[in-house]
Amino acid sequence: MPTIRIPKEHWEKVWETLGQVGPIHRISKDYLYVVSERHLEVLKERNLPYTLEGENPGDANR
């Protein structure tokens, strides 16, 4: 599953959106979360900032 980093200044909006899509898992106090592919699709559709960590980092959105 993909791991993303949410920018601190956008955390609230991104977190709210992710929660509406489905469960996510926080893995670090550094705003790192394990999400589903569907979460990534929604973040891209809504043009919300995140950084893809680990798996396929070249696919990072913002």
C-alpha atoms as a PDB file:
ATOM      1  CA  MET A   1       0.000   0.000   0.000  1.00  0.00           C
ATOM      2  CA  PRO A   2       1.236   3.520  -0.723  1.00  0.00           C
ATOM      3  CA  THR A   3       2.747   5.695   1.978  1.00  0.00           C
ATOM      4  CA  ILE A   4       2.243   9.444   1.776  1.00  0.00           C
ATOM      5  CA  ARG A   5       3.466  12.499   3.632  1.00  0.00           C
ATOM      6  CA  ILE A   6       0.899  15.232   4.185  1.00  0.00           C
ATOM      7  CA  PRO A   7       2.264  18.796   4.276  1.00  0.00           C
ATOM      8  CA  LYS A   8       1.756  20.183   7.775  1.00  0.00           C
ATOM      9  CA  GLU A   9       0.106  23.379   6.498  1.00  0.00           C
ATOM     10  CA  HIS A  10      -2.512  21.361   4.544  1.00  0.00           C
ATOM     11  CA  TRP A  11      -2.972  18.544   7.031  1.00  0.00           C
ATOM     12  CA  GLU A  12      -6.519  19.359   8.136  1.00  0.00           C
ATOM     13  CA  LYS A  13      -8.070  19.483   4.638  1.00  0.00           C
ATOM     14  CA  VAL A  14      -6.154  16.433   3.364  1.00  0.00           C
ATOM     15  CA  TRP A  15      -6.922  14.436   6.516  1.00  0.00           C
ATOM     16  CA  GLU A  16     -10.631  15.247   6.279  1.00  0.00           C
ATOM     17  CA  THR A  17     -10.720  14.129   2.637  1.00  0.00           C
ATOM     18  CA  LEU A  18      -8.827  10.900   3.335  1.00  0.00           C
ATOM     19  CA  GLY A  19     -11.172  10.047   6.198  1.00  0.00           C
ATOM     20  CA  GLN A  20     -14.184  10.411   3.913  1.00  0.00           C
ATOM     21  CA  VAL A  21     -12.696   7.874   1.483  1.00  0.00           C
ATOM     22  CA  GLY A  22     -11.894   5.178   4.046  1.00  0.00           C
ATOM     23  CA  PRO A  23      -9.540   4.095   6.818  1.00  0.00           C
ATOM     24  CA  ILE A  24      -5.943   5.286   6.785  1.00  0.00           C
ATOM     25  CA  HIS A  25      -3.048   4.384   9.059  1.00  0.00           C
ATOM     26  CA  ARG A  26      -0.629   6.825  10.642  1.00  0.00           C
ATOM     27  CA  ILE A  27       2.867   5.365  10.799  1.00  0.00           C
ATOM     28  CA  SER A  28       4.858   8.346  12.046  1.00  0.00           C
ATOM     29  CA  LYS A  29       4.483  11.635  13.878  1.00  0.00           C
ATOM     30  CA  ASP A  30       6.050  13.166  10.765  1.00  0.00           C
ATOM     31  CA  TYR A  31       2.707  13.156   8.926  1.00  0.00           C
ATOM     32  CA  LEU A  32       3.313   9.776   7.253  1.00  0.00           C
ATOM     33  CA  TYR A  33       0.269   7.657   6.454  1.00  0.00           C
ATOM     34  CA  VAL A  34      -0.450   4.367   4.703  1.00  0.00           C
ATOM     35  CA  VAL A  35      -3.338   4.843   2.291  1.00  0.00           C
ATOM     36  CA  SER A  36      -5.133   2.956  -0.462  1.00  0.00           C
ATOM     37  CA  GLU A  37      -4.945   3.513  -4.199  1.00  0.00           C
ATOM     38  CA  ARG A  38      -8.439   5.022  -3.964  1.00  0.00           C
ATOM     39  CA  HIS A  39      -7.137   7.623  -1.499  1.00  0.00           C
ATOM     40  CA  LEU A  40      -4.464   8.616  -4.027  1.00  0.00           C
ATOM     41  CA  GLU A  41      -7.050   8.897  -6.797  1.00  0.00           C
ATOM     42  CA  VAL A  42      -9.194  11.244  -4.705  1.00  0.00           C
ATOM     43  CA  LEU A  43      -6.218  13.383  -3.678  1.00  0.00           C
ATOM     44  CA  LYS A  44      -5.257  13.752  -7.349  1.00  0.00           C
ATOM     45  CA  GLU A  45      -8.853  14.497  -8.421  1.00  0.00           C
ATOM     46  CA  ARG A  46      -9.140  17.237  -5.795  1.00  0.00           C
ATOM     47  CA  ASN A  47      -5.619  18.507  -6.435  1.00  0.00           C
ATOM     48  CA  LEU A  48      -4.652  18.172  -2.766  1.00  0.00           C
ATOM     49  CA  PRO A  49      -0.970  18.242  -1.811  1.00  0.00           C
ATOM     50  CA  TYR A  50       0.934  15.175  -0.658  1.00  0.00           C
ATOM     51  CA  THR A  51       4.242  13.455  -1.280  1.00  0.00           C
ATOM     52  CA  LEU A  52       4.401   9.785  -2.156  1.00  0.00           C
ATOM     53  CA  GLU A  53       7.041   8.066  -0.029  1.00  0.00           C
ATOM     54  CA  GLY A  54       8.596   4.666  -0.607  1.00  0.00           C
ATOM     55  CA  GLU A  55       6.659   2.898  -3.382  1.00  0.00           C
ATOM     56  CA  ASN A  56       6.983   4.635  -6.762  1.00  0.00           C
ATOM     57  CA  PRO A  57       8.079   8.041  -5.421  1.00  0.00           C
ATOM     58  CA  GLY A  58       8.267   9.297  -9.007  1.00  0.00           C
ATOM     59  CA  ASP A  59       4.466   9.287  -9.016  1.00  0.00           C
ATOM     60  CA  ALA A  60       4.256  11.956  -6.305  1.00  0.00           C
ATOM     61  CA  ASN A  61       1.497  14.472  -6.862  1.00  0.00           C
ATOM     62  CA  ARG A  62       2.789  17.721  -5.337  1.00  0.00           C
END
